[in-house]
Amino acid sequence: MRLLRRHPEPASGRVPRRPISLAPLTVLELSPPELVACAAEAGYDGVGLRLIRATEEEPLRPTIGRTPMIRETRRRLDESGLFVLDIEVLRLRPDTVVRDDFGSFLETGAYLGATQVLVTGNDPDHSRLADNLAELSSFAAEFGLIPNLEPMPWTDVGDLADAASIVRRCTGREVGILVDAIHYDRALATTADLAALSTEWIRYVQICDGLLPRPTSIDELRFQGRNARLFPGEGGIDIVAMLRALPPVPVSIEAPIQWRAPAGVRARAALRAARRVISIADSGPLPLSA
């Protein structure tokens, strides 16, 4: 039986505390059960889990299906009380066959109690990409999951405008847009761009920080995005303004940094930094509904 996890309910009359999740890229050396243990010890509310590696340089782990590693992950989730915010990463390519390619991944995510799926757009034909995203939404709904398209400058969905155009075509489907602080900033997006998005599309947000000046090549953008971010509040991205322009949704900390400290030390430092930024953001006026 699938274990349902709910986000913490705020005390009556108080500003709700956003649930904060540890994204796998922050501590990529950890396996899913190790990540859950790390997040629980550090004080997170939830986790994201990478069930399909994003690059060939990442460890290849038995994370699809009810493998011993996945059953151990579920056990640690149950013991800790942490929820799974999202699972990653699905790539929509020109040759994607949604039901053939993604069924086992979605079934595994449902077993773990996830609610969101991180999706990247790797298809230059945005009409076909939108059709596949709409089909993925219908299929994922059978597992209680919602796909979220993340714009990244080195993919075929490079910015918020691309993502919004694609999601807008998925009429009547539950589909989200995942805003990642570093990609938002590197694409020169503004808070007005965020405010123009339908609030129904925003189900969670990823935060980190980044160095200035901004990288000027795709290779530099890709390297920094995957390896050399900063903790929230330690760089040049106005995360407070970004958060205030979006609905008060759960926050995932995705902050791979170049600091050779143990994963637990980095996870705790990232959480402290994120809490400071979120506290400032949430002390201001909340955005109006779209």
C-alpha atoms as a PDB file:
ATOM      1  CA  MET A   1       0.000   0.000   0.000  1.00  0.00           C
ATOM      2  CA  ARG A   2       1.329   3.425  -0.915  1.00  0.00           C
ATOM      3  CA  LEU A   3       2.164   5.612   2.064  1.00  0.00           C
ATOM      4  CA  LEU A   4       0.852   9.147   1.573  1.00  0.00           C
ATOM      5  CA  ARG A   5       2.866  11.983   3.101  1.00  0.00           C
ATOM      6  CA  ARG A   6       1.381  15.407   3.632  1.00  0.00           C
ATOM      7  CA  HIS A   7       3.214  18.674   3.988  1.00  0.00           C
ATOM      8  CA  PRO A   8       3.185  20.052   7.555  1.00  0.00           C
ATOM      9  CA  GLU A   9       0.084  22.088   8.389  1.00  0.00           C
ATOM     10  CA  PRO A  10       0.746  25.558   9.828  1.00  0.00           C
ATOM     11  CA  ALA A  11      -0.531  26.566  13.248  1.00  0.00           C
ATOM     12  CA  SER A  12      -3.715  28.619  13.061  1.00  0.00           C
ATOM     13  CA  GLY A  13      -3.105  32.305  12.369  1.00  0.00           C
ATOM     14  CA  ARG A  14       0.598  31.911  11.576  1.00  0.00           C
ATOM     15  CA  VAL A  15       2.497  32.278   8.327  1.00  0.00           C
ATOM     16  CA  PRO A  16       3.063  28.696   7.138  1.00  0.00           C
ATOM     17  CA  ARG A  17       6.623  27.405   7.203  1.00  0.00           C
ATOM     18  CA  ARG A  18       7.537  26.136   3.786  1.00  0.00           C
ATOM     19  CA  PRO A  19       8.621  22.511   3.628  1.00  0.00           C
ATOM     20  CA  ILE A  20      12.276  22.332   2.593  1.00  0.00           C
ATOM     21  CA  SER A  21      13.620  19.405   0.588  1.00  0.00           C
ATOM     22  CA  LEU A  22      17.188  18.250  -0.066  1.00  0.00           C
ATOM     23  CA  ALA A  23      17.789  17.830  -3.804  1.00  0.00           C
ATOM     24  CA  PRO A  24      20.069  14.973  -4.889  1.00  0.00           C
ATOM     25  CA  LEU A  25      22.454  17.214  -6.842  1.00  0.00           C
ATOM     26  CA  THR A  26      23.478  18.884  -3.569  1.00  0.00           C
ATOM     27  CA  VAL A  27      24.907  15.594  -2.262  1.00  0.00           C
ATOM     28  CA  LEU A  28      25.260  13.610  -5.469  1.00  0.00           C
ATOM     29  CA  GLU A  29      27.744  11.140  -4.004  1.00  0.00           C
ATOM     30  CA  LEU A  30      24.999   9.685  -1.802  1.00  0.00           C
ATOM     31  CA  SER A  31      22.708   6.835  -2.815  1.00  0.00           C
ATOM     32  CA  PRO A  32      18.971   7.369  -2.241  1.00  0.00           C
ATOM     33  CA  PRO A  33      18.859   5.652   1.178  1.00  0.00           C
ATOM     34  CA  GLU A  34      21.992   7.535   2.242  1.00  0.00           C
ATOM     35  CA  LEU A  35      20.431  10.793   1.075  1.00  0.00           C
ATOM     36  CA  VAL A  36      17.311  10.158   3.160  1.00  0.00           C
ATOM     37  CA  ALA A  37      19.421   9.493   6.245  1.00  0.00           C
ATOM     38  CA  CYS A  38      21.496  12.619   5.593  1.00  0.00           C
ATOM     39  CA  ALA A  39      18.410  14.810   5.145  1.00  0.00           C
ATOM     40  CA  ALA A  40      16.743  13.455   8.274  1.00  0.00           C
ATOM     41  CA  GLU A  41      19.823  14.074  10.402  1.00  0.00           C
ATOM     42  CA  ALA A  42      20.257  17.595   9.004  1.00  0.00           C
ATOM     43  CA  GLY A  43      16.647  18.581   9.713  1.00  0.00           C
ATOM     44  CA  TYR A  44      15.005  18.674   6.290  1.00  0.00           C
ATOM     45  CA  ASP A  45      11.301  18.020   5.767  1.00  0.00           C
ATOM     46  CA  GLY A  46      11.687  16.032   2.568  1.00  0.00           C
ATOM     47  CA  VAL A  47      13.970  14.840  -0.203  1.00  0.00           C
ATOM     48  CA  GLY A  48      14.240  14.632  -3.933  1.00  0.00           C
ATOM     49  CA  LEU A  49      15.464  11.344  -5.373  1.00  0.00           C
ATOM     50  CA  ARG A  50      17.433  10.801  -8.577  1.00  0.00           C
ATOM     51  CA  LEU A  51      16.197   7.511  -9.998  1.00  0.00           C
ATOM     52  CA  ILE A  52      17.692   8.061 -13.473  1.00  0.00           C
ATOM     53  CA  ARG A  53      21.155   9.581 -13.674  1.00  0.00           C
ATOM     54  CA  ALA A  54      21.515  12.826 -15.589  1.00  0.00           C
ATOM     55  CA  THR A  55      25.003  12.161 -16.993  1.00  0.00           C
ATOM     56  CA  GLU A  56      27.131   9.112 -17.738  1.00  0.00           C
ATOM     57  CA  GLU A  57      29.671  10.315 -15.160  1.00  0.00           C
ATOM     58  CA  GLU A  58      27.192   9.705 -12.333  1.00  0.00           C
ATOM     59  CA  PRO A  59      27.058   6.345 -10.531  1.00  0.00           C
ATOM     60  CA  LEU A  60      24.727   3.807 -12.103  1.00  0.00           C
ATOM     61  CA  ARG A  61      22.574   2.521  -9.251  1.00  0.00           C
ATOM     62  CA  PRO A  62      19.718  -0.045  -9.072  1.00  0.00           C
ATOM     63  CA  THR A  63      16.989   2.526  -8.536  1.00  0.00           C
ATOM     64  CA  ILE A  64      14.192   1.419 -10.852  1.00  0.00           C
ATOM     65  CA  GLY A  65      11.723  -1.114  -9.505  1.00  0.00           C
ATOM     66  CA  ARG A  66      11.491  -2.532  -5.984  1.00  0.00           C
ATOM     67  CA  THR A  67      15.182  -3.304  -5.769  1.00  0.00           C
ATOM     68  CA  PRO A  68      16.877  -3.808  -2.383  1.00  0.00           C
ATOM     69  CA  MET A  69      18.139  -0.207  -2.589  1.00  0.00           C
ATOM     70  CA  ILE A  70      14.660   1.162  -3.259  1.00  0.00           C
ATOM     71  CA  ARG A  71      13.097  -0.935  -0.488  1.00  0.00           C
ATOM     72  CA  GLU A  72      15.754   0.354   1.909  1.00  0.00           C
ATOM     73  CA  THR A  73      14.992   3.908   0.784  1.00  0.00           C
ATOM     74  CA  ARG A  74      11.315   3.367   1.506  1.00  0.00           C
ATOM     75  CA  ARG A  75      12.128   1.922   4.927  1.00  0.00           C
ATOM     76  CA  ARG A  76      14.226   4.951   5.842  1.00  0.00           C
ATOM     77  CA  LEU A  77      11.519   7.299   4.615  1.00  0.00           C
ATOM     78  CA  ASP A  78       8.960   5.531   6.775  1.00  0.00           C
ATOM     79  CA  GLU A  79      11.216   5.624   9.837  1.00  0.00           C
ATOM     80  CA  SER A  80      12.201   9.277   9.431  1.00  0.00           C
ATOM     81  CA  GLY A  81       8.819  10.669   8.408  1.00  0.00           C
ATOM     82  CA  LEU A  82      10.385  12.570   5.505  1.00  0.00           C
ATOM     83  CA  PHE A  83       8.329  12.980   2.339  1.00  0.00           C
ATOM     84  CA  VAL A  84       9.546  12.645  -1.249  1.00  0.00           C
ATOM     85  CA  LEU A  85       8.963  15.935  -3.033  1.00  0.00           C
ATOM     86  CA  ASP A  86      10.142  14.908  -6.486  1.00  0.00           C
ATOM     87  CA  ILE A  87      11.868  12.218  -8.510  1.00  0.00           C
ATOM     88  CA  GLU A  88      14.208  12.851 -11.434  1.00  0.00           C
ATOM     89  CA  VAL A  89      15.091  13.058 -14.176  1.00  0.00           C
ATOM     90  CA  LEU A  90      12.930  12.332 -17.216  1.00  0.00           C
ATOM     91  CA  ARG A  91      14.097  13.628 -20.591  1.00  0.00           C
ATOM     92  CA  LEU A  92      11.573  14.199 -23.361  1.00  0.00           C
ATOM     93  CA  ARG A  93      13.467  13.435 -26.586  1.00  0.00           C
ATOM     94  CA  PRO A  94      12.396  13.141 -30.230  1.00  0.00           C
ATOM     95  CA  ASP A  95      12.245   9.332 -29.898  1.00  0.00           C
ATOM     96  CA  THR A  96      10.406   9.247 -26.546  1.00  0.00           C
ATOM     97  CA  VAL A  97       7.597   6.708 -26.250  1.00  0.00           C
ATOM     98  CA  VAL A  98       6.036   7.779 -22.959  1.00  0.00           C
ATOM     99  CA  ARG A  99       4.290   4.615 -21.788  1.00  0.00           C
ATOM    100  CA  ASP A 100       7.088   2.309 -22.897  1.00  0.00           C
ATOM    101  CA  ASP A 101       9.928   4.429 -21.559  1.00  0.00           C
ATOM    102  CA  PHE A 102       8.647   5.765 -18.249  1.00  0.00           C
ATOM    103  CA  GLY A 103       6.299   3.215 -16.676  1.00  0.00           C
ATOM    104  CA  SER A 104       8.809   1.579 -14.317  1.00  0.00           C
ATOM    105  CA  PHE A 105      10.187   4.957 -13.252  1.00  0.00           C
ATOM    106  CA  LEU A 106       6.729   6.273 -12.369  1.00  0.00           C
ATOM    107  CA  GLU A 107       5.780   3.075 -10.559  1.00  0.00           C
ATOM    108  CA  THR A 108       8.946   3.338  -8.465  1.00  0.00           C
ATOM    109  CA  GLY A 109       8.177   6.963  -7.628  1.00  0.00           C
ATOM    110  CA  ALA A 110       4.664   6.066  -6.541  1.00  0.00           C
ATOM    111  CA  TYR A 111       6.031   3.294  -4.304  1.00  0.00           C
ATOM    112  CA  LEU A 112       8.291   5.873  -2.640  1.00  0.00           C
ATOM    113  CA  GLY A 113       5.425   8.325  -2.125  1.00  0.00           C
ATOM    114  CA  ALA A 114       6.597  11.040  -4.528  1.00  0.00           C
ATOM    115  CA  THR A 115       4.201  13.645  -5.892  1.00  0.00           C
ATOM    116  CA  GLN A 116       6.264  15.557  -8.482  1.00  0.00           C
ATOM    117  CA  VAL A 117       8.475  14.572 -11.426  1.00  0.00           C
ATOM    118  CA  LEU A 118      11.310  16.711 -12.787  1.00  0.00           C
ATOM    119  CA  VAL A 119      11.289  16.784 -16.591  1.00  0.00           C
ATOM    120  CA  THR A 120      13.706  18.310 -19.099  1.00  0.00           C
ATOM    121  CA  GLY A 121      12.915  19.183 -22.695  1.00  0.00           C
ATOM    122  CA  ASN A 122      15.441  17.676 -25.091  1.00  0.00           C
ATOM    123  CA  ASP A 123      13.475  17.998 -28.312  1.00  0.00           C
ATOM    124  CA  PRO A 124      13.764  21.004 -30.661  1.00  0.00           C
ATOM    125  CA  ASP A 125      10.256  20.294 -31.995  1.00  0.00           C
ATOM    126  CA  HIS A 126       8.223  22.011 -29.299  1.00  0.00           C
ATOM    127  CA  SER A 127       4.923  20.826 -30.727  1.00  0.00           C
ATOM    128  CA  ARG A 128       5.996  17.188 -30.380  1.00  0.00           C
ATOM    129  CA  LEU A 129       7.504  17.947 -26.981  1.00  0.00           C
ATOM    130  CA  ALA A 130       4.185  19.418 -25.801  1.00  0.00           C
ATOM    131  CA  ASP A 131       2.308  16.349 -27.045  1.00  0.00           C
ATOM    132  CA  ASN A 132       4.680  14.065 -25.149  1.00  0.00           C
ATOM    133  CA  LEU A 133       4.434  16.210 -22.021  1.00  0.00           C
ATOM    134  CA  ALA A 134       0.635  16.081 -22.171  1.00  0.00           C
ATOM    135  CA  GLU A 135       0.749  12.297 -22.584  1.00  0.00           C
ATOM    136  CA  LEU A 136       3.220  12.048 -19.708  1.00  0.00           C
ATOM    137  CA  SER A 137       0.840  14.073 -17.540  1.00  0.00           C
ATOM    138  CA  SER A 138      -2.030  11.683 -18.225  1.00  0.00           C
ATOM    139  CA  PHE A 139       0.172   8.634 -17.610  1.00  0.00           C
ATOM    140  CA  ALA A 140       1.795  10.060 -14.472  1.00  0.00           C
ATOM    141  CA  ALA A 141      -1.627  10.882 -13.024  1.00  0.00           C
ATOM    142  CA  GLU A 142      -2.302   7.136 -12.859  1.00  0.00           C
ATOM    143  CA  PHE A 143       0.523   6.995 -10.296  1.00  0.00           C
ATOM    144  CA  GLY A 144      -0.431  10.170  -8.417  1.00  0.00           C
ATOM    145  CA  LEU A 145       2.446  12.132  -9.967  1.00  0.00           C
ATOM    146  CA  ILE A 146       2.678  15.481 -11.771  1.00  0.00           C
ATOM    147  CA  PRO A 147       5.429  16.319 -14.315  1.00  0.00           C
ATOM    148  CA  ASN A 148       7.237  19.654 -14.010  1.00  0.00           C
ATOM    149  CA  LEU A 149       9.165  21.028 -16.981  1.00  0.00           C
ATOM    150  CA  GLU A 150      12.436  22.696 -15.982  1.00  0.00           C
ATOM    151  CA  PRO A 151      13.897  25.241 -18.418  1.00  0.00           C
ATOM    152  CA  MET A 152      17.702  25.107 -18.653  1.00  0.00           C
ATOM    153  CA  PRO A 153      19.914  27.107 -21.016  1.00  0.00           C
ATOM    154  CA  TRP A 154      21.648  24.019 -22.459  1.00  0.00           C
ATOM    155  CA  THR A 155      18.416  22.171 -23.312  1.00  0.00           C
ATOM    156  CA  ASP A 156      15.825  22.753 -26.025  1.00  0.00           C
ATOM    157  CA  VAL A 157      13.640  24.480 -23.429  1.00  0.00           C
ATOM    158  CA  GLY A 158      16.049  27.259 -22.622  1.00  0.00           C
ATOM    159  CA  ASP A 159      13.998  29.721 -20.617  1.00  0.00           C
ATOM    160  CA  LEU A 160      10.678  30.468 -18.947  1.00  0.00           C
ATOM    161  CA  ALA A 161       9.109  31.714 -22.168  1.00  0.00           C
ATOM    162  CA  ASP A 162       9.840  28.385 -23.881  1.00  0.00           C
ATOM    163  CA  ALA A 163       8.480  26.433 -20.916  1.00  0.00           C
ATOM    164  CA  ALA A 164       5.312  28.524 -20.657  1.00  0.00           C
ATOM    165  CA  SER A 165       4.607  28.153 -24.375  1.00  0.00           C
ATOM    166  CA  ILE A 166       4.914  24.361 -24.134  1.00  0.00           C
ATOM    167  CA  VAL A 167       2.910  23.968 -20.933  1.00  0.00           C
ATOM    168  CA  ARG A 168       0.185  26.246 -22.298  1.00  0.00           C
ATOM    169  CA  ARG A 169      -0.384  23.691 -25.078  1.00  0.00           C
ATOM    170  CA  CYS A 170      -1.085  20.939 -22.536  1.00  0.00           C
ATOM    171  CA  THR A 171      -4.664  22.062 -22.139  1.00  0.00           C
ATOM    172  CA  GLY A 172      -6.581  20.359 -19.353  1.00  0.00           C
ATOM    173  CA  ARG A 173      -3.546  18.448 -18.060  1.00  0.00           C
ATOM    174  CA  GLU A 174      -1.789  18.763 -14.726  1.00  0.00           C
ATOM    175  CA  VAL A 175       1.648  20.029 -15.715  1.00  0.00           C
ATOM    176  CA  GLY A 176       4.001  22.337 -13.843  1.00  0.00           C
ATOM    177  CA  ILE A 177       7.001  24.552 -14.520  1.00  0.00           C
ATOM    178  CA  LEU A 178       9.968  24.146 -12.203  1.00  0.00           C
ATOM    179  CA  VAL A 179      11.833  27.390 -11.592  1.00  0.00           C
ATOM    180  CA  ASP A 180      15.483  26.840 -10.643  1.00  0.00           C
ATOM    181  CA  ALA A 181      17.188  29.959  -9.272  1.00  0.00           C
ATOM    182  CA  ILE A 182      20.389  29.601 -11.262  1.00  0.00           C
ATOM    183  CA  HIS A 183      18.689  28.960 -14.611  1.00  0.00           C
ATOM    184  CA  TYR A 184      16.199  31.775 -13.917  1.00  0.00           C
ATOM    185  CA  ASP A 185      19.076  34.174 -13.287  1.00  0.00           C
ATOM    186  CA  ARG A 186      21.327  33.007 -16.129  1.00  0.00           C
ATOM    187  CA  ALA A 187      18.472  33.423 -18.619  1.00  0.00           C
ATOM    188  CA  LEU A 188      18.129  37.071 -17.469  1.00  0.00           C
ATOM    189  CA  ALA A 189      14.533  36.460 -16.421  1.00  0.00           C
ATOM    190  CA  THR A 190      12.784  38.969 -14.183  1.00  0.00           C
ATOM    191  CA  THR A 191      10.248  38.875 -11.383  1.00  0.00           C
ATOM    192  CA  ALA A 192       7.731  40.197 -13.910  1.00  0.00           C
ATOM    193  CA  ASP A 193       8.331  37.051 -15.973  1.00  0.00           C
ATOM    194  CA  LEU A 194       7.615  34.955 -12.882  1.00  0.00           C
ATOM    195  CA  ALA A 195       4.511  36.908 -11.963  1.00  0.00           C
ATOM    196  CA  ALA A 196       3.163  36.319 -15.473  1.00  0.00           C
ATOM    197  CA  LEU A 197       3.155  32.538 -14.953  1.00  0.00           C
ATOM    198  CA  SER A 198      -0.064  30.881 -13.826  1.00  0.00           C
ATOM    199  CA  THR A 199       0.189  30.016 -10.138  1.00  0.00           C
ATOM    200  CA  GLU A 200      -1.281  26.598 -11.026  1.00  0.00           C
ATOM    201  CA  TRP A 201       1.963  25.796 -12.832  1.00  0.00           C
ATOM    202  CA  ILE A 202       4.193  26.377  -9.803  1.00  0.00           C
ATOM    203  CA  ARG A 203       4.256  23.380  -7.455  1.00  0.00           C
ATOM    204  CA  TYR A 204       7.751  23.727  -6.017  1.00  0.00           C
ATOM    205  CA  VAL A 205      10.897  25.754  -6.602  1.00  0.00           C
ATOM    206  CA  GLN A 206      14.636  25.041  -6.529  1.00  0.00           C
ATOM    207  CA  ILE A 207      16.981  27.516  -4.883  1.00  0.00           C
ATOM    208  CA  CYS A 208      20.736  28.074  -4.753  1.00  0.00           C
ATOM    209  CA  ASP A 209      22.969  31.017  -5.540  1.00  0.00           C
ATOM    210  CA  GLY A 210      25.554  31.811  -8.185  1.00  0.00           C
ATOM    211  CA  LEU A 211      28.671  33.818  -8.845  1.00  0.00           C
ATOM    212  CA  LEU A 212      28.845  37.013 -10.840  1.00  0.00           C
ATOM    213  CA  PRO A 213      29.673  37.790 -13.569  1.00  0.00           C
ATOM    214  CA  ARG A 214      27.432  35.280 -15.280  1.00  0.00           C
ATOM    215  CA  PRO A 215      29.033  32.635 -17.511  1.00  0.00           C
ATOM    216  CA  THR A 216      29.109  33.536 -21.184  1.00  0.00           C
ATOM    217  CA  SER A 217      29.223  30.085 -22.821  1.00  0.00           C
ATOM    218  CA  ILE A 218      26.991  27.028 -22.692  1.00  0.00           C
ATOM    219  CA  ASP A 219      29.884  24.912 -21.430  1.00  0.00           C
ATOM    220  CA  GLU A 220      30.461  27.343 -18.560  1.00  0.00           C
ATOM    221  CA  LEU A 221      26.744  27.471 -17.778  1.00  0.00           C
ATOM    222  CA  ARG A 222      26.533  23.698 -17.742  1.00  0.00           C
ATOM    223  CA  PHE A 223      29.610  23.282 -15.533  1.00  0.00           C
ATOM    224  CA  GLN A 224      28.472  25.874 -13.029  1.00  0.00           C
ATOM    225  CA  GLY A 225      24.927  24.540 -12.952  1.00  0.00           C
ATOM    226  CA  ARG A 226      26.083  20.988 -12.247  1.00  0.00           C
ATOM    227  CA  ASN A 227      29.179  21.580 -10.134  1.00  0.00           C
ATOM    228  CA  ALA A 228      29.814  25.118  -8.915  1.00  0.00           C
ATOM    229  CA  ARG A 229      26.795  26.813  -7.418  1.00  0.00           C
ATOM    230  CA  LEU A 230      26.672  28.616  -4.080  1.00  0.00           C
ATOM    231  CA  PHE A 231      24.424  28.269  -1.051  1.00  0.00           C
ATOM    232  CA  PRO A 232      21.370  30.578  -1.017  1.00  0.00           C
ATOM    233  CA  GLY A 233      22.257  34.120  -0.037  1.00  0.00           C
ATOM    234  CA  GLU A 234      25.983  33.775  -0.766  1.00  0.00           C
ATOM    235  CA  GLY A 235      26.058  35.013  -4.370  1.00  0.00           C
ATOM    236  CA  GLY A 236      24.556  37.504  -6.763  1.00  0.00           C
ATOM    237  CA  ILE A 237      21.066  36.074  -7.369  1.00  0.00           C
ATOM    238  CA  ASP A 238      18.151  37.954  -5.792  1.00  0.00           C
ATOM    239  CA  ILE A 239      16.482  34.854  -4.382  1.00  0.00           C
ATOM    240  CA  VAL A 240      14.258  36.854  -2.036  1.00  0.00           C
ATOM    241  CA  ALA A 241      12.665  38.735  -4.928  1.00  0.00           C
ATOM    242  CA  MET A 242      12.323  35.502  -6.891  1.00  0.00           C
ATOM    243  CA  LEU A 243      10.545  33.734  -4.049  1.00  0.00           C
ATOM    244  CA  ARG A 244       8.257  36.690  -3.434  1.00  0.00           C
ATOM    245  CA  ALA A 245       7.199  36.669  -7.100  1.00  0.00           C
ATOM    246  CA  LEU A 246       6.087  33.025  -6.835  1.00  0.00           C
ATOM    247  CA  PRO A 247       3.425  31.291  -4.749  1.00  0.00           C
ATOM    248  CA  PRO A 248       4.617  30.058  -1.304  1.00  0.00           C
ATOM    249  CA  VAL A 249       5.347  26.534  -2.501  1.00  0.00           C
ATOM    250  CA  PRO A 250       7.794  23.949  -1.092  1.00  0.00           C
ATOM    251  CA  VAL A 251      11.479  24.689  -1.633  1.00  0.00           C
ATOM    252  CA  SER A 252      14.110  22.249  -2.873  1.00  0.00           C
ATOM    253  CA  ILE A 253      17.729  23.141  -2.173  1.00  0.00           C
ATOM    254  CA  GLU A 254      19.785  22.249  -5.244  1.00  0.00           C
ATOM    255  CA  ALA A 255      23.249  23.598  -4.494  1.00  0.00           C
ATOM    256  CA  PRO A 256      26.226  21.528  -5.657  1.00  0.00           C
ATOM    257  CA  ILE A 257      29.248  23.478  -4.444  1.00  0.00           C
ATOM    258  CA  GLN A 258      33.006  23.134  -4.743  1.00  0.00           C
ATOM    259  CA  TRP A 259      33.641  22.523  -1.061  1.00  0.00           C
ATOM    260  CA  ARG A 260      35.267  19.234  -0.104  1.00  0.00           C
ATOM    261  CA  ALA A 261      33.335  18.702   3.104  1.00  0.00           C
ATOM    262  CA  PRO A 262      31.301  15.618   4.061  1.00  0.00           C
ATOM    263  CA  ALA A 263      27.789  15.459   2.626  1.00  0.00           C
ATOM    264  CA  GLY A 264      26.182  15.926   6.042  1.00  0.00           C
ATOM    265  CA  VAL A 265      28.171  19.087   6.705  1.00  0.00           C
ATOM    266  CA  ARG A 266      27.198  20.538   3.319  1.00  0.00           C
ATOM    267  CA  ALA A 267      23.550  19.575   3.769  1.00  0.00           C
ATOM    268  CA  ARG A 268      23.312  21.291   7.144  1.00  0.00           C
ATOM    269  CA  ALA A 269      25.067  24.428   5.877  1.00  0.00           C
ATOM    270  CA  ALA A 270      22.761  24.575   2.854  1.00  0.00           C
ATOM    271  CA  LEU A 271      19.693  24.271   5.079  1.00  0.00           C
ATOM    272  CA  ARG A 272      20.842  27.051   7.412  1.00  0.00           C
ATOM    273  CA  ALA A 273      21.489  29.341   4.454  1.00  0.00           C
ATOM    274  CA  ALA A 274      18.157  28.531   2.820  1.00  0.00           C
ATOM    275  CA  ARG A 275      16.196  29.114   6.008  1.00  0.00           C
ATOM    276  CA  ARG A 276      17.659  32.607   6.334  1.00  0.00           C
ATOM    277  CA  VAL A 277      16.695  33.544   2.777  1.00  0.00           C
ATOM    278  CA  ILE A 278      13.239  31.965   2.985  1.00  0.00           C
ATOM    279  CA  SER A 279      12.543  33.709   6.288  1.00  0.00           C
ATOM    280  CA  ILE A 280      13.269  37.087   4.726  1.00  0.00           C
ATOM    281  CA  ALA A 281      11.214  36.283   1.625  1.00  0.00           C
ATOM    282  CA  ASP A 282       8.214  35.088   3.589  1.00  0.00           C
ATOM    283  CA  SER A 283       8.212  38.080   5.928  1.00  0.00           C
ATOM    284  CA  GLY A 284       7.098  40.284   3.041  1.00  0.00           C
ATOM    285  CA  PRO A 285       3.763  40.423   1.195  1.00  0.00           C
ATOM    286  CA  LEU A 286       2.668  37.246  -0.556  1.00  0.00           C
ATOM    287  CA  PRO A 287       2.020  37.398  -4.319  1.00  0.00           C
ATOM    288  CA  LEU A 288      -1.462  37.786  -5.693  1.00  0.00           C
ATOM    289  CA  SER A 289      -3.047  34.781  -7.384  1.00  0.00           C
ATOM    290  CA  ALA A 290      -2.827  34.738 -11.153  1.00  0.00           C
END
